C-alpha atoms as a PDB file:
ATOM      1  CA  UNK A   1     -36.246  42.706   1.328  1.00  0.00           C
ATOM      2  CA  UNK A   2     -36.660  45.108  -1.533  1.00  0.00           C
ATOM      3  CA  UNK A   3     -34.024  45.939  -4.145  1.00  0.00           C
ATOM      4  CA  UNK A   4     -35.828  49.082  -5.259  1.00  0.00           C
ATOM      5  CA  UNK A   5     -33.528  52.039  -5.714  1.00  0.00           C
ATOM      6  CA  UNK A   6     -34.707  55.597  -5.788  1.00  0.00           C
ATOM      7  CA  UNK A   7     -33.813  58.798  -7.534  1.00  0.00           C
ATOM      8  CA  UNK A   8     -30.600  60.468  -6.471  1.00  0.00           C
ATOM      9  CA  UNK A   9     -28.965  57.070  -6.313  1.00  0.00           C
ATOM     10  CA  UNK A  10     -25.235  57.245  -5.675  1.00  0.00           C
ATOM     11  CA  UNK A  11     -22.836  54.727  -7.174  1.00  0.00           C
ATOM     12  CA  UNK A  12     -19.530  53.145  -6.345  1.00  0.00           C
ATOM     13  CA  UNK A  13     -17.245  52.197  -9.173  1.00  0.00           C
ATOM     14  CA  UNK A  14     -15.258  49.014  -9.488  1.00  0.00           C
ATOM     15  CA  UNK A  15     -12.341  48.735 -11.877  1.00  0.00           C
ATOM     16  CA  UNK A  16     -11.840  44.988 -11.506  1.00  0.00           C
ATOM     17  CA  UNK A  17     -10.382  43.474 -14.708  1.00  0.00           C
ATOM     18  CA  UNK A  18     -10.469  46.895 -16.371  1.00  0.00           C
ATOM     19  CA  UNK A  19     -14.265  47.155 -16.368  1.00  0.00           C
ATOM     20  CA  UNK A  20     -16.388  49.762 -14.660  1.00  0.00           C
ATOM     21  CA  UNK A  21     -19.490  48.552 -12.861  1.00  0.00           C
ATOM     22  CA  UNK A  22     -21.696  50.783 -10.742  1.00  0.00           C
ATOM     23  CA  UNK A  23     -23.247  49.414  -7.564  1.00  0.00           C
ATOM     24  CA  UNK A  24     -25.971  51.379  -5.875  1.00  0.00           C
ATOM     25  CA  UNK A  25     -25.023  52.676  -2.454  1.00  0.00           C
ATOM     26  CA  UNK A  26     -28.396  54.251  -1.703  1.00  0.00           C
ATOM     27  CA  UNK A  27     -31.936  52.991  -2.060  1.00  0.00           C
ATOM     28  CA  UNK A  28     -35.375  54.147  -1.035  1.00  0.00           C
ATOM     29  CA  UNK A  29     -38.702  52.325  -0.886  1.00  0.00           C
ATOM     30  CA  UNK A  30     -41.795  52.251   1.297  1.00  0.00           C
ATOM     31  CA  UNK A  31     -40.777  55.471   3.080  1.00  0.00           C
ATOM     32  CA  UNK A  32     -37.456  53.937   4.148  1.00  0.00           C
ATOM     33  CA  UNK A  33     -34.073  55.272   3.026  1.00  0.00           C
ATOM     34  CA  UNK A  34     -31.030  52.989   2.995  1.00  0.00           C
ATOM     35  CA  UNK A  35     -27.395  54.116   2.734  1.00  0.00           C
ATOM     36  CA  UNK A  36     -24.355  51.843   2.347  1.00  0.00           C
ATOM     37  CA  UNK A  37     -20.884  53.159   3.122  1.00  0.00           C
ATOM     38  CA  UNK A  38     -17.470  51.994   4.226  1.00  0.00           C
ATOM     39  CA  UNK A  39     -15.952  53.973   7.096  1.00  0.00           C
ATOM     40  CA  UNK A  40     -13.492  53.351   9.923  1.00  0.00           C
ATOM     41  CA  UNK A  41     -12.779  49.783   8.792  1.00  0.00           C
ATOM     42  CA  UNK A  42     -16.447  48.803   8.642  1.00  0.00           C
ATOM     43  CA  UNK A  43     -19.152  48.243   6.068  1.00  0.00           C
ATOM     44  CA  UNK A  44     -22.252  50.124   7.250  1.00  0.00           C
ATOM     45  CA  UNK A  45     -25.820  49.737   6.016  1.00  0.00           C
ATOM     46  CA  UNK A  46     -28.058  52.340   7.656  1.00  0.00           C
ATOM     47  CA  UNK A  47     -31.822  52.413   7.334  1.00  0.00           C
ATOM     48  CA  UNK A  48     -33.803  55.572   8.202  1.00  0.00           C
ATOM     49  CA  UNK A  49     -37.556  55.930   8.586  1.00  0.00           C
ATOM     50  CA  UNK A  50     -39.709  58.428  10.479  1.00  0.00           C
ATOM     51  CA  UNK A  51     -36.715  59.836  12.381  1.00  0.00           C
ATOM     52  CA  UNK A  52     -35.487  56.405  13.545  1.00  0.00           C
ATOM     53  CA  UNK A  53     -32.307  54.673  12.399  1.00  0.00           C
ATOM     54  CA  UNK A  54     -30.929  51.148  12.433  1.00  0.00           C
ATOM     55  CA  UNK A  55     -27.464  50.192  11.212  1.00  0.00           C
ATOM     56  CA  UNK A  56     -26.021  46.830  10.245  1.00  0.00           C
ATOM     57  CA  UNK A  57     -22.221  46.830  10.501  1.00  0.00           C
ATOM     58  CA  UNK A  58     -19.564  44.335   9.400  1.00  0.00           C
ATOM     59  CA  UNK A  59     -15.795  44.593   9.243  1.00  0.00           C
ATOM     60  CA  UNK A  60     -14.426  45.881   5.938  1.00  0.00           C
ATOM     61  CA  UNK A  61     -13.010  42.478   5.035  1.00  0.00           C
ATOM     62  CA  UNK A  62     -16.559  41.103   5.160  1.00  0.00           C
ATOM     63  CA  UNK A  63     -15.948  37.949   7.169  1.00  0.00           C
ATOM     64  CA  UNK A  64     -17.135  38.809  10.696  1.00  0.00           C
ATOM     65  CA  UNK A  65     -20.518  38.647  12.353  1.00  0.00           C
ATOM     66  CA  UNK A  66     -22.965  41.447  11.611  1.00  0.00           C
ATOM     67  CA  UNK A  67     -23.651  43.946  14.382  1.00  0.00           C
ATOM     68  CA  UNK A  68     -27.001  45.695  14.665  1.00  0.00           C
ATOM     69  CA  UNK A  69     -26.853  49.195  16.138  1.00  0.00           C
ATOM     70  CA  UNK A  70     -29.287  51.995  16.812  1.00  0.00           C
ATOM     71  CA  UNK A  71     -27.441  54.092  14.180  1.00  0.00           C
ATOM     72  CA  UNK A  72     -24.006  54.338  12.507  1.00  0.00           C
ATOM     73  CA  UNK A  73     -22.323  55.353  15.775  1.00  0.00           C
ATOM     74  CA  UNK A  74     -24.905  53.836  18.119  1.00  0.00           C
ATOM     75  CA  UNK A  75     -24.413  51.122  20.678  1.00  0.00           C
ATOM     76  CA  UNK A  76     -24.285  47.521  19.507  1.00  0.00           C
ATOM     77  CA  UNK A  77     -27.569  45.790  20.274  1.00  0.00           C
ATOM     78  CA  UNK A  78     -26.965  42.270  18.905  1.00  0.00           C
ATOM     79  CA  UNK A  79     -24.719  40.179  16.601  1.00  0.00           C
ATOM     80  CA  UNK A  80     -25.797  37.801  13.860  1.00  0.00           C
ATOM     81  CA  UNK A  81     -24.127  35.424  11.407  1.00  0.00           C
ATOM     82  CA  UNK A  82     -26.803  35.831   8.758  1.00  0.00           C
ATOM     83  CA  UNK A  83     -27.802  38.958   6.875  1.00  0.00           C
ATOM     84  CA  UNK A  84     -31.462  37.899   6.994  1.00  0.00           C
ATOM     85  CA  UNK A  85     -31.480  37.860  10.814  1.00  0.00           C
ATOM     86  CA  UNK A  86     -29.747  41.250  10.983  1.00  0.00           C
ATOM     87  CA  UNK A  87     -32.299  42.677   8.533  1.00  0.00           C
ATOM     88  CA  UNK A  88     -35.108  41.264  10.665  1.00  0.00           C
ATOM     89  CA  UNK A  89     -33.743  43.039  13.754  1.00  0.00           C
ATOM     90  CA  UNK A  90     -33.248  46.315  11.827  1.00  0.00           C
ATOM     91  CA  UNK A  91     -36.843  46.120  10.573  1.00  0.00           C
ATOM     92  CA  UNK A  92     -38.064  45.520  14.116  1.00  0.00           C
ATOM     93  CA  UNK A  93     -36.191  48.605  15.341  1.00  0.00           C
ATOM     94  CA  UNK A  94     -37.877  50.712  12.653  1.00  0.00           C
ATOM     95  CA  UNK A  95     -41.311  49.155  13.156  1.00  0.00           C
ATOM     96  CA  UNK A  96     -41.535  47.853   9.566  1.00  0.00           C
ATOM     97  CA  UNK A  97     -41.439  44.461   7.883  1.00  0.00           C
ATOM     98  CA  UNK A  98     -38.257  42.990   6.421  1.00  0.00           C
ATOM     99  CA  UNK A  99     -39.830  43.082   2.966  1.00  0.00           C
ATOM    100  CA  UNK A 100     -40.113  46.874   3.261  1.00  0.00           C
ATOM    101  CA  UNK A 101     -36.343  47.371   3.652  1.00  0.00           C
ATOM    102  CA  UNK A 102     -34.572  48.497   0.485  1.00  0.00           C
ATOM    103  CA  UNK A 103     -31.071  47.033   0.199  1.00  0.00           C
ATOM    104  CA  UNK A 104     -28.560  48.824  -2.049  1.00  0.00           C
ATOM    105  CA  UNK A 105     -26.644  46.551  -4.451  1.00  0.00           C
ATOM    106  CA  UNK A 106     -23.329  47.211  -2.695  1.00  0.00           C
ATOM    107  CA  UNK A 107     -24.696  45.763   0.581  1.00  0.00           C
ATOM    108  CA  UNK A 108     -26.376  42.662  -0.858  1.00  0.00           C
ATOM    109  CA  UNK A 109     -23.409  40.392   0.023  1.00  0.00           C
ATOM    110  CA  UNK A 110     -23.187  41.263   3.715  1.00  0.00           C
ATOM    111  CA  UNK A 111     -23.207  38.372   6.193  1.00  0.00           C
ATOM    112  CA  UNK A 112     -21.295  35.129   6.528  1.00  0.00           C
END
């Protein structure tokens, strides 16, 4: 997996212990765009390439299995305990290798 972030990177701020730390919520590498967001009680990591999408979803508390979907609102295709297995499935859906997937900082801790 690639940690390369691209221009136009968005950030999320954390004010834990009075400090401000930005985590990237978007990344782009190898023609693949990645977007991390929290919506409707879920953490969503969506990859887009050549008009195709794959989303890895986890509950907002971050302790449940990861669900791989065909997009943010798509049907669930499979569940995984490990982030690496979910990334592998997402890469397969996009027709790329796992090493090509950029992962924004904010999503790096997904999985059990």
